[in-house]
PDB file of all heavy atoms in Angstrom:
ATOM      1  N   LYS A   1      -2.901  -0.613  17.448  1.00  0.00           N
ATOM      2  CA  LYS A   1      -3.723  -1.351  16.490  1.00  0.00           C
ATOM      3  C   LYS A   1      -3.885  -0.571  15.187  1.00  0.00           C
ATOM      4  O   LYS A   1      -3.840  -1.155  14.107  1.00  0.00           O
ATOM      5  CB  LYS A   1      -5.094  -1.677  17.090  1.00  0.00           C
ATOM      6  CG  LYS A   1      -5.049  -2.774  18.120  1.00  0.00           C
ATOM      7  CD  LYS A   1      -6.425  -3.091  18.648  1.00  0.00           C
ATOM      8  CE  LYS A   1      -6.349  -4.226  19.665  1.00  0.00           C
ATOM      9  NZ  LYS A   1      -7.677  -4.552  20.205  1.00  0.00           N
ATOM     10  N   GLU A   2      -4.073   0.754  15.294  1.00  0.00           N
ATOM     11  CA  GLU A   2      -4.193   1.582  14.093  1.00  0.00           C
ATOM     12  C   GLU A   2      -2.904   1.541  13.282  1.00  0.00           C
ATOM     13  O   GLU A   2      -2.944   1.467  12.055  1.00  0.00           O
ATOM     14  CB  GLU A   2      -4.541   3.025  14.463  1.00  0.00           C
ATOM     15  CG  GLU A   2      -5.969   3.192  14.939  1.00  0.00           C
ATOM     16  CD  GLU A   2      -6.261   4.567  15.496  1.00  0.00           C
ATOM     17  OE1 GLU A   2      -5.310   5.367  15.727  1.00  0.00           O
ATOM     18  OE2 GLU A   2      -7.447   4.865  15.727  1.00  0.00           O
ATOM     19  N   LYS A   3      -1.759   1.581  13.966  1.00  0.00           N
ATOM     20  CA  LYS A   3      -0.478   1.518  13.272  1.00  0.00           C
ATOM     21  C   LYS A   3      -0.306   0.161  12.599  1.00  0.00           C
ATOM     22  O   LYS A   3       0.145   0.080  11.455  1.00  0.00           O
ATOM     23  CB  LYS A   3       0.683   1.787  14.216  1.00  0.00           C
ATOM     24  CG  LYS A   3       2.019   1.793  13.478  1.00  0.00           C
ATOM     25  CD  LYS A   3       3.170   2.102  14.363  1.00  0.00           C
ATOM     26  CE  LYS A   3       4.506   2.090  13.680  1.00  0.00           C
ATOM     27  NZ  LYS A   3       4.670   1.400  12.434  1.00  0.00           N
ATOM     28  N   GLU A   4      -0.667  -0.908  13.302  1.00  0.00           N
ATOM     29  CA  GLU A   4      -0.581  -2.241  12.704  1.00  0.00           C
ATOM     30  C   GLU A   4      -1.458  -2.333  11.457  1.00  0.00           C
ATOM     31  O   GLU A   4      -1.036  -2.891  10.444  1.00  0.00           O
ATOM     32  CB  GLU A   4      -1.007  -3.316  13.708  1.00  0.00           C
ATOM     33  CG  GLU A   4       0.025  -3.627  14.757  1.00  0.00           C
ATOM     34  CD  GLU A   4      -0.450  -4.671  15.762  1.00  0.00           C
ATOM     35  OE1 GLU A   4      -1.610  -5.142  15.672  1.00  0.00           O
ATOM     36  OE2 GLU A   4       0.346  -5.017  16.653  1.00  0.00           O
ATOM     37  N   GLU A   5      -2.663  -1.792  11.534  1.00  0.00           N
ATOM     38  CA  GLU A   5      -3.576  -1.817  10.389  1.00  0.00           C
ATOM     39  C   GLU A   5      -2.999  -0.992   9.243  1.00  0.00           C
ATOM     40  O   GLU A   5      -3.029  -1.414   8.084  1.00  0.00           O
ATOM     41  CB  GLU A   5      -4.960  -1.292  10.785  1.00  0.00           C
ATOM     42  CG  GLU A   5      -5.951  -1.232   9.634  1.00  0.00           C
ATOM     43  CD  GLU A   5      -6.193  -2.567   8.948  1.00  0.00           C
ATOM     44  OE1 GLU A   5      -6.043  -3.629   9.589  1.00  0.00           O
ATOM     45  OE2 GLU A   5      -6.528  -2.547   7.747  1.00  0.00           O
ATOM     46  N   LEU A   6      -2.469   0.192   9.548  1.00  0.00           N
ATOM     47  CA  LEU A   6      -1.855   1.017   8.518  1.00  0.00           C
ATOM     48  C   LEU A   6      -0.670   0.296   7.885  1.00  0.00           C
ATOM     49  O   LEU A   6      -0.528   0.282   6.654  1.00  0.00           O
ATOM     50  CB  LEU A   6      -1.397   2.363   9.093  1.00  0.00           C
ATOM     51  CG  LEU A   6      -0.678   3.301   8.132  1.00  0.00           C
ATOM     52  CD1 LEU A   6      -1.580   3.672   6.958  1.00  0.00           C
ATOM     53  CD2 LEU A   6      -0.190   4.533   8.863  1.00  0.00           C
ATOM     54  N   ASP A   7       0.156  -0.336   8.711  1.00  0.00           N
ATOM     55  CA  ASP A   7       1.297  -1.091   8.184  1.00  0.00           C
ATOM     56  C   ASP A   7       0.832  -2.218   7.264  1.00  0.00           C
ATOM     57  O   ASP A   7       1.431  -2.455   6.208  1.00  0.00           O
ATOM     58  CB  ASP A   7       2.150  -1.660   9.325  1.00  0.00           C
ATOM     59  CG  ASP A   7       2.945  -0.598  10.065  1.00  0.00           C
ATOM     60  OD1 ASP A   7       3.067   0.534   9.542  1.00  0.00           O
ATOM     61  OD2 ASP A   7       3.447  -0.899  11.165  1.00  0.00           O
ATOM     62  N   ARG A   8      -0.258  -2.896   7.644  1.00  0.00           N
ATOM     63  CA  ARG A   8      -0.809  -3.959   6.797  1.00  0.00           C
ATOM     64  C   ARG A   8      -1.287  -3.382   5.456  1.00  0.00           C
ATOM     65  O   ARG A   8      -1.046  -3.964   4.391  1.00  0.00           O
ATOM     66  CB  ARG A   8      -1.966  -4.682   7.493  1.00  0.00           C
ATOM     67  CG  ARG A   8      -1.518  -5.801   8.415  1.00  0.00           C
ATOM     68  CD  ARG A   8      -2.686  -6.688   8.831  1.00  0.00           C
ATOM     69  NE  ARG A   8      -3.674  -6.027   9.668  1.00  0.00           N
ATOM     70  CZ  ARG A   8      -3.557  -5.859  10.993  1.00  0.00           C
ATOM     71  NH1 ARG A   8      -2.503  -6.308  11.627  1.00  0.00           N
ATOM     72  NH2 ARG A   8      -4.502  -5.260  11.670  1.00  0.00           N
ATOM     73  N   GLN A   9      -1.973  -2.240   5.521  1.00  0.00           N
ATOM     74  CA  GLN A   9      -2.456  -1.610   4.292  1.00  0.00           C
ATOM     75  C   GLN A   9      -1.291  -1.202   3.393  1.00  0.00           C
ATOM     76  O   GLN A   9      -1.323  -1.448   2.178  1.00  0.00           O
ATOM     77  CB  GLN A   9      -3.303  -0.381   4.619  1.00  0.00           C
ATOM     78  CG  GLN A   9      -4.646  -0.699   5.210  1.00  0.00           C
ATOM     79  CD  GLN A   9      -5.405   0.558   5.620  1.00  0.00           C
ATOM     80  OE1 GLN A   9      -4.913   1.669   5.504  1.00  0.00           O
ATOM     81  NE2 GLN A   9      -6.608   0.366   6.123  1.00  0.00           N
ATOM     82  N   ILE A  10      -0.279  -0.588   3.995  1.00  0.00           N
ATOM     83  CA  ILE A  10       0.887  -0.166   3.213  1.00  0.00           C
ATOM     84  C   ILE A  10       1.556  -1.378   2.582  1.00  0.00           C
ATOM     85  O   ILE A  10       1.875  -1.368   1.381  1.00  0.00           O
ATOM     86  CB  ILE A  10       1.878   0.637   4.080  1.00  0.00           C
ATOM     87  CG1 ILE A  10       1.259   1.992   4.457  1.00  0.00           C
ATOM     88  CG2 ILE A  10       3.210   0.836   3.355  1.00  0.00           C
ATOM     89  CD1 ILE A  10       2.066   2.785   5.473  1.00  0.00           C
ATOM     90  N   ASP A  11       1.756  -2.426   3.379  1.00  0.00           N
ATOM     91  CA  ASP A  11       2.388  -3.640   2.845  1.00  0.00           C
ATOM     92  C   ASP A  11       1.577  -4.223   1.693  1.00  0.00           C
ATOM     93  O   ASP A  11       2.133  -4.645   0.673  1.00  0.00           O
ATOM     94  CB  ASP A  11       2.563  -4.696   3.947  1.00  0.00           C
ATOM     95  CG  ASP A  11       3.624  -4.325   4.970  1.00  0.00           C
ATOM     96  OD1 ASP A  11       4.421  -3.390   4.701  1.00  0.00           O
ATOM     97  OD2 ASP A  11       3.652  -4.970   6.034  1.00  0.00           O
ATOM     98  N   SER A  12       0.268  -4.254   1.856  1.00  0.00           N
ATOM     99  CA  SER A  12      -0.604  -4.799   0.813  1.00  0.00           C
ATOM    100  C   SER A  12      -0.516  -3.952  -0.458  1.00  0.00           C
ATOM    101  O   SER A  12      -0.360  -4.486  -1.565  1.00  0.00           O
ATOM    102  CB  SER A  12      -2.048  -4.845   1.319  1.00  0.00           C
ATOM    103  OG  SER A  12      -2.924  -5.229   0.289  1.00  0.00           O
ATOM    104  N   HIS A  13      -0.624  -2.630  -0.307  1.00  0.00           N
ATOM    105  CA  HIS A  13      -0.527  -1.746  -1.465  1.00  0.00           C
ATOM    106  C   HIS A  13       0.851  -1.845  -2.111  1.00  0.00           C
ATOM    107  O   HIS A  13       0.962  -1.834  -3.342  1.00  0.00           O
ATOM    108  CB  HIS A  13      -0.805  -0.288  -1.077  1.00  0.00           C
ATOM    109  CG  HIS A  13      -2.248   0.025  -0.911  1.00  0.00           C
ATOM    110  ND1 HIS A  13      -3.167  -0.106  -1.924  1.00  0.00           N
ATOM    111  CD2 HIS A  13      -2.950   0.470   0.157  1.00  0.00           C
ATOM    112  CE1 HIS A  13      -4.360   0.239  -1.490  1.00  0.00           C
ATOM    113  NE2 HIS A  13      -4.261   0.592  -0.223  1.00  0.00           N
ATOM    114  N   TYR A  14       1.879  -1.950  -1.289  1.00  0.00           N
ATOM    115  CA  TYR A  14       3.240  -2.014  -1.827  1.00  0.00           C
ATOM    116  C   TYR A  14       3.425  -3.275  -2.674  1.00  0.00           C
ATOM    117  O   TYR A  14       3.973  -3.217  -3.781  1.00  0.00           O
ATOM    118  CB  TYR A  14       4.259  -1.960  -0.695  1.00  0.00           C
ATOM    119  CG  TYR A  14       5.663  -1.690  -1.171  1.00  0.00           C
ATOM    120  CD1 TYR A  14       6.042  -0.427  -1.602  1.00  0.00           C
ATOM    121  CD2 TYR A  14       6.603  -2.705  -1.214  1.00  0.00           C
ATOM    122  CE1 TYR A  14       7.334  -0.178  -2.060  1.00  0.00           C
ATOM    123  CE2 TYR A  14       7.887  -2.472  -1.671  1.00  0.00           C
ATOM    124  CZ  TYR A  14       8.254  -1.202  -2.090  1.00  0.00           C
ATOM    125  OH  TYR A  14       9.515  -0.963  -2.552  1.00  0.00           O
ATOM    126  N   ALA A  15       2.934  -4.402  -2.158  1.00  0.00           N
ATOM    127  CA  ALA A  15       3.049  -5.659  -2.912  1.00  0.00           C
ATOM    128  C   ALA A  15       2.312  -5.544  -4.244  1.00  0.00           C
ATOM    129  O   ALA A  15       2.830  -5.948  -5.299  1.00  0.00           O
ATOM    130  CB  ALA A  15       2.497  -6.823  -2.090  1.00  0.00           C
ATOM    131  N   LYS A  16       1.110  -4.980  -4.226  1.00  0.00           N
ATOM    132  CA  LYS A  16       0.338  -4.817  -5.461  1.00  0.00           C
ATOM    133  C   LYS A  16       0.997  -3.798  -6.392  1.00  0.00           C
ATOM    134  O   LYS A  16       0.997  -3.972  -7.611  1.00  0.00           O
ATOM    135  CB  LYS A  16      -1.094  -4.382  -5.134  1.00  0.00           C
ATOM    136  CG  LYS A  16      -1.923  -5.451  -4.457  1.00  0.00           C
ATOM    137  CD  LYS A  16      -3.284  -4.898  -4.076  1.00  0.00           C
ATOM    138  CE  LYS A  16      -4.086  -5.904  -3.264  1.00  0.00           C
ATOM    139  NZ  LYS A  16      -5.355  -5.315  -2.792  1.00  0.00           N
ATOM    140  N   ALA A  17       1.543  -2.737  -5.795  1.00  0.00           N
ATOM    141  CA  ALA A  17       2.199  -1.696  -6.603  1.00  0.00           C
ATOM    142  C   ALA A  17       3.387  -2.269  -7.349  1.00  0.00           C
ATOM    143  O   ALA A  17       3.610  -1.943  -8.525  1.00  0.00           O
ATOM    144  CB  ALA A  17       2.636  -0.536  -5.703  1.00  0.00           C
ATOM    145  N   LEU A  18       4.129  -3.111  -6.685  1.00  0.00           N
ATOM    146  CA  LEU A  18       5.295  -3.728  -7.333  1.00  0.00           C
ATOM    147  C   LEU A  18       4.882  -4.642  -8.482  1.00  0.00           C
ATOM    148  O   LEU A  18       5.663  -4.880  -9.407  1.00  0.00           O
ATOM    149  CB  LEU A  18       6.132  -4.504  -6.314  1.00  0.00           C
ATOM    150  CG  LEU A  18       6.889  -3.655  -5.295  1.00  0.00           C
ATOM    151  CD1 LEU A  18       7.597  -4.542  -4.296  1.00  0.00           C
ATOM    152  CD2 LEU A  18       7.877  -2.715  -5.979  1.00  0.00           C
ATOM    153  N   GLN A  19       3.650  -5.136  -8.415  1.00  0.00           N
ATOM    154  CA  GLN A  19       3.133  -5.996  -9.488  1.00  0.00           C
ATOM    155  C   GLN A  19       2.470  -5.169 -10.594  1.00  0.00           C
ATOM    156  O   GLN A  19       1.925  -5.725 -11.536  1.00  0.00           O
ATOM    157  CB  GLN A  19       2.135  -7.001  -8.921  1.00  0.00           C
ATOM    158  CG  GLN A  19       2.767  -8.014  -7.990  1.00  0.00           C
ATOM    159  CD  GLN A  19       1.739  -8.929  -7.335  1.00  0.00           C
ATOM    160  OE1 GLN A  19       0.540  -8.801  -7.570  1.00  0.00           O
ATOM    161  NE2 GLN A  19       2.215  -9.845  -6.515  1.00  0.00           N
ATOM    162  N   GLY A  20       2.499  -3.842 -10.443  1.00  0.00           N
ATOM    163  CA  GLY A  20       1.978  -2.977 -11.496  1.00  0.00           C
ATOM    164  C   GLY A  20       0.580  -2.447 -11.285  1.00  0.00           C
ATOM    165  O   GLY A  20       0.028  -1.793 -12.177  1.00  0.00           O
ATOM    166  N   ASP A  21      -0.032  -2.671 -10.124  1.00  0.00           N
ATOM    167  CA  ASP A  21      -1.381  -2.159  -9.866  1.00  0.00           C
ATOM    168  C   ASP A  21      -1.326  -0.636  -9.729  1.00  0.00           C
ATOM    169  O   ASP A  21      -0.724  -0.107  -8.790  1.00  0.00           O
ATOM    170  CB  ASP A  21      -1.953  -2.788  -8.587  1.00  0.00           C
ATOM    171  CG  ASP A  21      -3.361  -2.304  -8.313  1.00  0.00           C
ATOM    172  OD1 ASP A  21      -4.291  -2.845  -8.925  1.00  0.00           O
ATOM    173  OD2 ASP A  21      -3.508  -1.370  -7.497  1.00  0.00           O
ATOM    174  N   ALA A  22      -1.944   0.068 -10.685  1.00  0.00           N
ATOM    175  CA  ALA A  22      -1.844   1.528 -10.752  1.00  0.00           C
ATOM    176  C   ALA A  22      -2.470   2.216  -9.544  1.00  0.00           C
ATOM    177  O   ALA A  22      -1.939   3.212  -9.051  1.00  0.00           O
ATOM    178  CB  ALA A  22      -2.490   2.026 -12.043  1.00  0.00           C
ATOM    179  N   TYR A  23      -3.612   1.704  -9.067  1.00  0.00           N
ATOM    180  CA  TYR A  23      -4.232   2.339  -7.899  1.00  0.00           C
ATOM    181  C   TYR A  23      -3.350   2.175  -6.664  1.00  0.00           C
ATOM    182  O   TYR A  23      -3.186   3.112  -5.880  1.00  0.00           O
ATOM    183  CB  TYR A  23      -5.638   1.784  -7.637  1.00  0.00           C
ATOM    184  CG  TYR A  23      -6.288   2.460  -6.455  1.00  0.00           C
ATOM    185  CD1 TYR A  23      -6.785   3.747  -6.564  1.00  0.00           C
ATOM    186  CD2 TYR A  23      -6.361   1.826  -5.210  1.00  0.00           C
ATOM    187  CE1 TYR A  23      -7.357   4.395  -5.479  1.00  0.00           C
ATOM    188  CE2 TYR A  23      -6.932   2.463  -4.117  1.00  0.00           C
ATOM    189  CZ  TYR A  23      -7.424   3.748  -4.261  1.00  0.00           C
ATOM    190  OH  TYR A  23      -7.976   4.388  -3.180  1.00  0.00           O
ATOM    191  N   SER A  24      -2.759   1.005  -6.482  1.00  0.00           N
ATOM    192  CA  SER A  24      -1.861   0.789  -5.338  1.00  0.00           C
ATOM    193  C   SER A  24      -0.617   1.664  -5.466  1.00  0.00           C
ATOM    194  O   SER A  24      -0.096   2.158  -4.461  1.00  0.00           O
ATOM    195  CB  SER A  24      -1.484  -0.683  -5.224  1.00  0.00           C
ATOM    196  OG  SER A  24      -2.609  -1.430  -4.800  1.00  0.00           O
ATOM    197  N   GLN A  25      -0.161   1.880  -6.688  1.00  0.00           N
ATOM    198  CA  GLN A  25       0.978   2.786  -6.889  1.00  0.00           C
ATOM    199  C   GLN A  25       0.594   4.199  -6.462  1.00  0.00           C
ATOM    200  O   GLN A  25       1.384   4.896  -5.807  1.00  0.00           O
ATOM    201  CB  GLN A  25       1.415   2.766  -8.358  1.00  0.00           C
ATOM    202  CG  GLN A  25       2.064   1.454  -8.746  1.00  0.00           C
ATOM    203  CD  GLN A  25       2.243   1.301 -10.238  1.00  0.00           C
ATOM    204  OE1 GLN A  25       1.573   1.944 -11.045  1.00  0.00           O
ATOM    205  NE2 GLN A  25       3.168   0.414 -10.627  1.00  0.00           N
ATOM    206  N   TYR A  26      -0.623   4.605  -6.805  1.00  0.00           N
ATOM    207  CA  TYR A  26      -1.127   5.903  -6.340  1.00  0.00           C
ATOM    208  C   TYR A  26      -1.140   5.964  -4.810  1.00  0.00           C
ATOM    209  O   TYR A  26      -0.706   6.941  -4.214  1.00  0.00           O
ATOM    210  CB  TYR A  26      -2.536   6.166  -6.903  1.00  0.00           C
ATOM    211  CG  TYR A  26      -3.317   7.151  -6.084  1.00  0.00           C
ATOM    212  CD1 TYR A  26      -3.046   8.513  -6.153  1.00  0.00           C
ATOM    213  CD2 TYR A  26      -4.299   6.724  -5.202  1.00  0.00           C
ATOM    214  CE1 TYR A  26      -3.745   9.426  -5.376  1.00  0.00           C
ATOM    215  CE2 TYR A  26      -5.011   7.612  -4.433  1.00  0.00           C
ATOM    216  CZ  TYR A  26      -4.720   8.968  -4.511  1.00  0.00           C
ATOM    217  OH  TYR A  26      -5.404   9.862  -3.730  1.00  0.00           O
ATOM    218  N   CYS A  27      -1.646   4.887  -4.179  1.00  0.00           N
ATOM    219  CA  CYS A  27      -1.724   4.855  -2.705  1.00  0.00           C
ATOM    220  C   CYS A  27      -0.340   4.984  -2.073  1.00  0.00           C
ATOM    221  O   CYS A  27      -0.165   5.745  -1.113  1.00  0.00           O
ATOM    222  CB  CYS A  27      -2.410   3.578  -2.227  1.00  0.00           C
ATOM    223  SG  CYS A  27      -4.171   3.515  -2.623  1.00  0.00           S
ATOM    224  N   ILE A  28       0.636   4.265  -2.610  1.00  0.00           N
ATOM    225  CA  ILE A  28       1.993   4.361  -2.070  1.00  0.00           C
ATOM    226  C   ILE A  28       2.512   5.789  -2.243  1.00  0.00           C
ATOM    227  O   ILE A  28       3.117   6.354  -1.331  1.00  0.00           O
ATOM    228  CB  ILE A  28       2.934   3.335  -2.752  1.00  0.00           C
ATOM    229  CG1 ILE A  28       2.499   1.905  -2.429  1.00  0.00           C
ATOM    230  CG2 ILE A  28       4.387   3.575  -2.340  1.00  0.00           C
ATOM    231  CD1 ILE A  28       2.549   1.534  -0.955  1.00  0.00           C
ATOM    232  N   GLY A  29       2.236   6.381  -3.383  1.00  0.00           N
ATOM    233  CA  GLY A  29       2.617   7.780  -3.594  1.00  0.00           C
ATOM    234  C   GLY A  29       1.964   8.693  -2.571  1.00  0.00           C
ATOM    235  O   GLY A  29       2.599   9.599  -2.018  1.00  0.00           O
ATOM    236  N   TRP A  30       0.694   8.451  -2.299  1.00  0.00           N
ATOM    237  CA  TRP A  30      -0.036   9.269  -1.323  1.00  0.00           C
ATOM    238  C   TRP A  30       0.597   9.155   0.059  1.00  0.00           C
ATOM    239  O   TRP A  30       0.742  10.150   0.764  1.00  0.00           O
ATOM    240  CB  TRP A  30      -1.504   8.834  -1.292  1.00  0.00           C
ATOM    241  CG  TRP A  30      -2.353   9.712  -0.437  1.00  0.00           C
ATOM    242  CD1 TRP A  30      -3.039  10.822  -0.823  1.00  0.00           C
ATOM    243  CD2 TRP A  30      -2.584   9.574   0.975  1.00  0.00           C
ATOM    244  NE1 TRP A  30      -3.687  11.374   0.252  1.00  0.00           N
ATOM    245  CE2 TRP A  30      -3.419  10.633   1.368  1.00  0.00           C
ATOM    246  CE3 TRP A  30      -2.152   8.662   1.933  1.00  0.00           C
ATOM    247  CZ2 TRP A  30      -3.843  10.802   2.685  1.00  0.00           C
ATOM    248  CZ3 TRP A  30      -2.575   8.838   3.242  1.00  0.00           C
ATOM    249  CH2 TRP A  30      -3.411   9.890   3.606  1.00  0.00           C
ATOM    250  N   TYR A  31       0.968   7.928   0.446  1.00  0.00           N
ATOM    251  CA  TYR A  31       1.617   7.739   1.752  1.00  0.00           C
ATOM    252  C   TYR A  31       2.896   8.572   1.827  1.00  0.00           C
ATOM    253  O   TYR A  31       3.150   9.248   2.825  1.00  0.00           O
ATOM    254  CB  TYR A  31       1.950   6.261   2.000  1.00  0.00           C
ATOM    255  CG  TYR A  31       0.753   5.350   2.155  1.00  0.00           C
ATOM    256  CD1 TYR A  31       0.693   4.136   1.482  1.00  0.00           C
ATOM    257  CD2 TYR A  31      -0.320   5.681   2.977  1.00  0.00           C
ATOM    258  CE1 TYR A  31      -0.392   3.275   1.613  1.00  0.00           C
ATOM    259  CE2 TYR A  31      -1.416   4.835   3.117  1.00  0.00           C
ATOM    260  CZ  TYR A  31      -1.442   3.636   2.435  1.00  0.00           C
ATOM    261  OH  TYR A  31      -2.522   2.794   2.586  1.00  0.00           O
TER     262      TYR A  31
END
């Protein structure tokens, strides 16, 4: 369940990062 939640978070941040969201880009970098 933790992995599924992490995967959901990564997917969400990745989608936002691709749209130019700077905080999500930071999160993807952190991952």
